[in-house]
């Protein structure tokens, strides 16, 4: 099992969709939200995804196909 840290950027039309919930339900990954913010324009989340590398890759690809921008995070996550 590995852990991968990513940042999701949502557009206004995706903010209200349960993307993170569906990600954990559809794929064999554990989602751990480390921080985030939602405004009337957009939203972002810091996530730590745990699971097998291939399954995390599939989950990230599924998320990107829904219109979410996914950026990797290196180092420690400092939310604030």
Protein backbone atom coordinates (compact mmCIF):
# COMPACT_ATOMS: atom_id res chain seq x y z
CA UNK A 1 0.00 0.00 0.00
CA UNK A 2 1.24 3.48 -0.90
CA UNK A 3 0.14 7.00 -0.10
CA UNK A 4 -0.04 9.73 -2.67
CA UNK A 5 -0.79 13.39 -2.01
CA UNK A 6 -2.67 15.41 -4.59
CA UNK A 7 -4.53 18.68 -4.95
CA UNK A 8 -7.91 18.71 -6.70
CA UNK A 9 -9.17 21.88 -8.37
CA UNK A 10 -12.92 22.03 -9.05
CA UNK A 11 -14.86 24.37 -11.31
CA UNK A 12 -18.15 25.81 -10.08
CA UNK A 13 -20.25 23.12 -11.76
CA UNK A 14 -18.27 20.33 -10.04
CA UNK A 15 -18.13 21.77 -6.52
CA UNK A 16 -21.54 20.36 -5.61
CA UNK A 17 -20.83 16.87 -7.00
CA UNK A 18 -19.62 14.20 -4.53
CA UNK A 19 -16.42 13.45 -6.46
CA UNK A 20 -14.34 12.48 -3.43
CA UNK A 21 -17.12 10.30 -2.01
CA UNK A 22 -17.54 8.51 -5.34
CA UNK A 23 -13.78 8.13 -5.68
CA UNK A 24 -13.63 6.19 -2.41
CA UNK A 25 -16.74 4.18 -3.29
CA UNK A 26 -15.82 3.25 -6.89
CA UNK A 27 -12.13 2.47 -6.35
CA UNK A 28 -10.15 0.56 -3.75
CA UNK A 29 -8.54 3.71 -2.33
CA UNK A 30 -8.84 5.51 0.98
CA UNK A 31 -9.36 9.27 0.72
CA UNK A 32 -8.15 11.52 3.51
CA UNK A 33 -8.97 15.22 3.08
CA UNK A 34 -6.18 17.35 4.54
CA UNK A 35 -7.53 20.81 3.69
CA UNK A 36 -9.58 22.73 1.21
CA UNK A 37 -11.68 25.74 0.35
CA UNK A 38 -14.82 26.30 -1.70
CA UNK A 39 -15.87 29.68 -3.07
CA UNK A 40 -18.58 30.75 -5.49
CA UNK A 41 -16.02 30.46 -8.33
CA UNK A 42 -14.24 27.22 -7.59
CA UNK A 43 -12.92 24.85 -4.99
CA UNK A 44 -9.78 22.93 -4.11
CA UNK A 45 -8.85 20.07 -1.81
CA UNK A 46 -5.63 18.61 -0.50
CA UNK A 47 -6.07 14.84 -0.44
CA UNK A 48 -4.00 11.89 0.62
CA UNK A 49 -4.92 8.79 -1.37
CA UNK A 50 -3.92 5.39 0.01
CA UNK A 51 -4.00 2.09 -1.86
CA UNK A 52 -2.20 0.20 -4.58
CA UNK A 53 -0.37 2.36 -7.14
CA UNK A 54 -2.37 1.06 -10.10
CA UNK A 55 -5.69 1.64 -8.32
CA UNK A 56 -4.70 5.19 -7.36
CA UNK A 57 -3.77 5.82 -11.01
CA UNK A 58 -7.19 4.55 -12.13
CA UNK A 59 -8.95 6.71 -9.54
CA UNK A 60 -7.02 9.83 -10.57
CA UNK A 61 -7.75 9.19 -14.26
CA UNK A 62 -11.48 8.81 -13.48
CA UNK A 63 -11.38 12.12 -11.58
CA UNK A 64 -9.64 13.92 -14.45
CA UNK A 65 -12.23 12.57 -16.89
CA UNK A 66 -14.92 14.29 -14.79
CA UNK A 67 -13.19 17.66 -15.27
CA UNK A 68 -11.21 17.94 -12.05
CA UNK A 69 -7.61 19.17 -12.34
CA UNK A 70 -5.30 16.95 -10.29
CA UNK A 71 -1.82 18.13 -9.28
CA UNK A 72 0.70 16.06 -7.32
CA UNK A 73 1.98 17.42 -4.01
CA UNK A 74 5.55 16.89 -2.91
CA UNK A 75 6.61 17.13 0.73
CA UNK A 76 4.43 17.96 3.69
CA UNK A 77 0.94 19.37 3.37
CA UNK A 78 0.47 22.63 5.23
CA UNK A 79 -3.10 23.88 5.05
CA UNK A 80 -4.06 27.32 6.17
